[in-house]
Amino acid sequence: MRIGGIMVAAAAMVAMAGSPASAGTSVSSWGQSVRSNCDNSSKGTFDDDGEHFYLTDLCADSMSAVMKVDVAPYQSGGGYDFTIWNSNTAGSTVDVNKSYAEGTGVCIQAGLGESSSGEWGGWGYWTCGVA
């Protein structure tokens, strides 16, 4: 009987070893609002499952949602790799799909701005996840 238990345990370990690992971490950042009737202006999310960036405009404030993205190796001096804009209506979400090696660090910061002029602000905290 002991041999049977060892074989079952060994088979379970082989099955687990053959399964793909998911070591990533998803994160979100919320932009500050300029209107008293909105808690936040925007919500940016990095989803490690497929490396999707989601940016939702949360407030009907005539402003666009914006998100800065910094991917390892990280930029110094407040730099970042790219931005994502959502210039659609409040409640809308933009989905941007990228591809990174497993274990790559990804940081995001959500805010609000005017996409045509490039002026922005109301930044939330930088939050960092792992692809």
C-alpha atoms as a PDB file:
ATOM      1  CA  MET A   1       0.000   0.000   0.000  1.00  0.00           C
ATOM      2  CA  ARG A   2       2.806   2.419   0.752  1.00  0.00           C
ATOM      3  CA  ILE A   3       4.163   2.037  -2.780  1.00  0.00           C
ATOM      4  CA  GLY A   4       0.746   2.934  -4.225  1.00  0.00           C
ATOM      5  CA  GLY A   5       0.657   6.138  -2.157  1.00  0.00           C
ATOM      6  CA  ILE A   6       4.117   7.111  -3.351  1.00  0.00           C
ATOM      7  CA  MET A   7       3.138   6.510  -6.968  1.00  0.00           C
ATOM      8  CA  VAL A   8       0.010   8.659  -6.605  1.00  0.00           C
ATOM      9  CA  ALA A   9       2.046  11.455  -4.994  1.00  0.00           C
ATOM     10  CA  ALA A  10       4.684  11.211  -7.730  1.00  0.00           C
ATOM     11  CA  ALA A  11       2.023  11.343 -10.448  1.00  0.00           C
ATOM     12  CA  ALA A  12       0.476  14.425  -8.818  1.00  0.00           C
ATOM     13  CA  MET A  13       3.881  16.145  -8.707  1.00  0.00           C
ATOM     14  CA  VAL A  14       4.473  15.410 -12.400  1.00  0.00           C
ATOM     15  CA  ALA A  15       1.036  16.814 -13.265  1.00  0.00           C
ATOM     16  CA  MET A  16       1.744  19.987 -11.274  1.00  0.00           C
ATOM     17  CA  ALA A  17       5.176  20.403 -12.863  1.00  0.00           C
ATOM     18  CA  GLY A  18       3.591  20.252 -16.312  1.00  0.00           C
ATOM     19  CA  SER A  19       1.113  23.039 -15.483  1.00  0.00           C
ATOM     20  CA  PRO A  20       1.970  26.593 -16.515  1.00  0.00           C
ATOM     21  CA  ALA A  21       2.960  28.831 -13.618  1.00  0.00           C
ATOM     22  CA  SER A  22       1.390  32.219 -13.087  1.00  0.00           C
ATOM     23  CA  ALA A  23       3.760  34.311 -11.027  1.00  0.00           C
ATOM     24  CA  GLY A  24       2.436  37.692 -12.128  1.00  0.00           C
ATOM     25  CA  THR A  25       0.745  40.420 -10.126  1.00  0.00           C
ATOM     26  CA  SER A  26      -2.067  42.677 -11.332  1.00  0.00           C
ATOM     27  CA  VAL A  27      -2.337  46.250  -9.976  1.00  0.00           C
ATOM     28  CA  SER A  28      -4.562  49.336 -10.218  1.00  0.00           C
ATOM     29  CA  SER A  29      -4.076  53.085  -9.787  1.00  0.00           C
ATOM     30  CA  TRP A  30      -6.820  55.708  -9.356  1.00  0.00           C
ATOM     31  CA  GLY A  31      -6.479  59.268 -10.662  1.00  0.00           C
ATOM     32  CA  GLN A  32      -7.572  62.181  -8.484  1.00  0.00           C
ATOM     33  CA  SER A  33     -10.778  63.983  -9.385  1.00  0.00           C
ATOM     34  CA  VAL A  34     -11.235  67.720  -9.914  1.00  0.00           C
ATOM     35  CA  ARG A  35     -14.996  67.436  -9.277  1.00  0.00           C
ATOM     36  CA  SER A  36     -16.535  67.054  -5.844  1.00  0.00           C
ATOM     37  CA  ASN A  37     -19.179  64.641  -7.139  1.00  0.00           C
ATOM     38  CA  CYS A  38     -16.565  62.095  -8.325  1.00  0.00           C
ATOM     39  CA  ASP A  39     -14.334  60.069  -6.016  1.00  0.00           C
ATOM     40  CA  ASN A  40     -11.782  59.482  -8.786  1.00  0.00           C
ATOM     41  CA  SER A  41     -11.226  60.709 -12.338  1.00  0.00           C
ATOM     42  CA  SER A  42      -9.815  57.479 -13.726  1.00  0.00           C
ATOM     43  CA  LYS A  43      -8.825  53.922 -12.961  1.00  0.00           C
ATOM     44  CA  GLY A  44      -5.811  52.342 -14.610  1.00  0.00           C
ATOM     45  CA  THR A  45      -5.187  48.618 -14.329  1.00  0.00           C
ATOM     46  CA  PHE A  46      -2.370  46.325 -15.387  1.00  0.00           C
ATOM     47  CA  ASP A  47      -3.671  42.752 -15.695  1.00  0.00           C
ATOM     48  CA  ASP A  48      -0.808  40.261 -15.669  1.00  0.00           C
ATOM     49  CA  ASP A  49      -2.999  37.659 -17.400  1.00  0.00           C
ATOM     50  CA  GLY A  50      -2.187  38.515 -21.012  1.00  0.00           C
ATOM     51  CA  GLU A  51      -0.470  41.813 -20.161  1.00  0.00           C
ATOM     52  CA  HIS A  52      -3.523  43.998 -20.693  1.00  0.00           C
ATOM     53  CA  PHE A  53      -3.703  47.632 -19.656  1.00  0.00           C
ATOM     54  CA  TYR A  54      -7.209  48.921 -18.947  1.00  0.00           C
ATOM     55  CA  LEU A  55      -7.956  52.624 -18.531  1.00  0.00           C
ATOM     56  CA  THR A  56     -11.441  53.663 -17.427  1.00  0.00           C
ATOM     57  CA  ASP A  57     -12.775  57.225 -17.367  1.00  0.00           C
ATOM     58  CA  LEU A  58     -14.729  57.416 -14.102  1.00  0.00           C
ATOM     59  CA  CYS A  59     -16.031  60.993 -14.105  1.00  0.00           C
ATOM     60  CA  ALA A  60     -18.065  63.158 -16.500  1.00  0.00           C
ATOM     61  CA  ASP A  61     -15.682  66.099 -16.082  1.00  0.00           C
ATOM     62  CA  SER A  62     -14.900  66.987 -19.729  1.00  0.00           C
ATOM     63  CA  MET A  63     -11.405  65.596 -19.182  1.00  0.00           C
ATOM     64  CA  SER A  64      -9.738  62.473 -20.545  1.00  0.00           C
ATOM     65  CA  ALA A  65      -8.328  59.633 -18.485  1.00  0.00           C
ATOM     66  CA  VAL A  66      -4.583  59.103 -18.882  1.00  0.00           C
ATOM     67  CA  MET A  67      -2.119  56.527 -17.586  1.00  0.00           C
ATOM     68  CA  LYS A  68       1.675  56.526 -17.510  1.00  0.00           C
ATOM     69  CA  VAL A  69       3.361  53.137 -17.894  1.00  0.00           C
ATOM     70  CA  ASP A  70       6.929  52.318 -16.884  1.00  0.00           C
ATOM     71  CA  VAL A  71       8.256  48.844 -17.722  1.00  0.00           C
ATOM     72  CA  ALA A  72      11.475  47.395 -16.286  1.00  0.00           C
ATOM     73  CA  PRO A  73      14.198  48.391 -16.641  1.00  0.00           C
ATOM     74  CA  TYR A  74      12.597  51.452 -15.064  1.00  0.00           C
ATOM     75  CA  GLN A  75      13.210  55.014 -16.230  1.00  0.00           C
ATOM     76  CA  SER A  76      14.935  57.336 -13.779  1.00  0.00           C
ATOM     77  CA  GLY A  77      13.967  60.864 -12.779  1.00  0.00           C
ATOM     78  CA  GLY A  78      10.210  60.366 -13.064  1.00  0.00           C
ATOM     79  CA  GLY A  79      10.418  58.972 -16.589  1.00  0.00           C
ATOM     80  CA  TYR A  80       8.108  56.386 -18.101  1.00  0.00           C
ATOM     81  CA  ASP A  81       7.933  54.305 -21.269  1.00  0.00           C
ATOM     82  CA  PHE A  82       4.552  55.278 -22.732  1.00  0.00           C
ATOM     83  CA  THR A  83       1.125  56.748 -22.017  1.00  0.00           C
ATOM     84  CA  ILE A  84      -2.386  55.514 -22.673  1.00  0.00           C
ATOM     85  CA  TRP A  85      -5.240  57.969 -23.220  1.00  0.00           C
ATOM     86  CA  ASN A  86      -8.979  57.377 -22.966  1.00  0.00           C
ATOM     87  CA  SER A  87     -10.722  60.336 -24.614  1.00  0.00           C
ATOM     88  CA  ASN A  88     -14.106  58.604 -24.775  1.00  0.00           C
ATOM     89  CA  THR A  89     -17.074  59.298 -22.508  1.00  0.00           C
ATOM     90  CA  ALA A  90     -17.239  58.690 -18.763  1.00  0.00           C
ATOM     91  CA  GLY A  91     -17.711  55.004 -18.020  1.00  0.00           C
ATOM     92  CA  SER A  92     -15.751  53.875 -21.080  1.00  0.00           C
ATOM     93  CA  THR A  93     -12.666  51.661 -20.909  1.00  0.00           C
ATOM     94  CA  VAL A  94      -9.711  51.435 -23.285  1.00  0.00           C
ATOM     95  CA  ASP A  95      -7.873  48.081 -23.521  1.00  0.00           C
ATOM     96  CA  VAL A  96      -4.240  48.020 -24.686  1.00  0.00           C
ATOM     97  CA  ASN A  97      -2.595  44.616 -25.015  1.00  0.00           C
ATOM     98  CA  LYS A  98       1.188  44.200 -24.798  1.00  0.00           C
ATOM     99  CA  SER A  99       3.513  41.230 -24.412  1.00  0.00           C
ATOM    100  CA  TYR A 100       6.278  41.008 -21.813  1.00  0.00           C
ATOM    101  CA  ALA A 101       8.502  38.216 -20.572  1.00  0.00           C
ATOM    102  CA  GLU A 102       7.276  36.521 -17.415  1.00  0.00           C
ATOM    103  CA  GLY A 103       8.698  38.262 -14.367  1.00  0.00           C
ATOM    104  CA  THR A 104       8.978  41.716 -16.001  1.00  0.00           C
ATOM    105  CA  GLY A 105       8.093  44.575 -13.650  1.00  0.00           C
ATOM    106  CA  VAL A 106       5.352  46.972 -14.785  1.00  0.00           C
ATOM    107  CA  CYS A 107       4.368  50.211 -13.002  1.00  0.00           C
ATOM    108  CA  ILE A 108       1.332  52.388 -13.737  1.00  0.00           C
ATOM    109  CA  GLN A 109       0.032  55.783 -12.626  1.00  0.00           C
ATOM    110  CA  ALA A 110      -3.462  57.056 -13.506  1.00  0.00           C
ATOM    111  CA  GLY A 111      -4.529  60.675 -13.843  1.00  0.00           C
ATOM    112  CA  LEU A 112      -6.602  63.034 -15.960  1.00  0.00           C
ATOM    113  CA  GLY A 113      -5.835  65.472 -18.714  1.00  0.00           C
ATOM    114  CA  GLU A 114      -6.637  67.074 -22.021  1.00  0.00           C
ATOM    115  CA  SER A 115      -5.374  64.823 -24.793  1.00  0.00           C
ATOM    116  CA  SER A 116      -5.369  67.522 -27.493  1.00  0.00           C
ATOM    117  CA  SER A 117      -3.078  69.849 -25.504  1.00  0.00           C
ATOM    118  CA  GLY A 118      -1.187  67.154 -23.605  1.00  0.00           C
ATOM    119  CA  GLU A 119      -1.817  68.912 -20.283  1.00  0.00           C
ATOM    120  CA  TRP A 120      -2.348  66.499 -17.423  1.00  0.00           C
ATOM    121  CA  GLY A 121      -2.331  66.094 -13.663  1.00  0.00           C
ATOM    122  CA  GLY A 122      -4.377  64.682 -10.828  1.00  0.00           C
ATOM    123  CA  TRP A 123      -2.012  61.737 -10.630  1.00  0.00           C
ATOM    124  CA  GLY A 124      -2.692  58.849  -8.311  1.00  0.00           C
ATOM    125  CA  TYR A 125       0.054  56.751  -6.781  1.00  0.00           C
ATOM    126  CA  TRP A 126       2.454  54.678  -8.849  1.00  0.00           C
ATOM    127  CA  THR A 127       1.630  51.003  -8.369  1.00  0.00           C
ATOM    128  CA  CYS A 128       3.799  48.163  -9.630  1.00  0.00           C
ATOM    129  CA  GLY A 129       2.980  44.632 -10.711  1.00  0.00           C
ATOM    130  CA  VAL A 130       4.732  41.755 -12.438  1.00  0.00           C
ATOM    131  CA  ALA A 131       3.990  40.268 -15.868  1.00  0.00           C
END
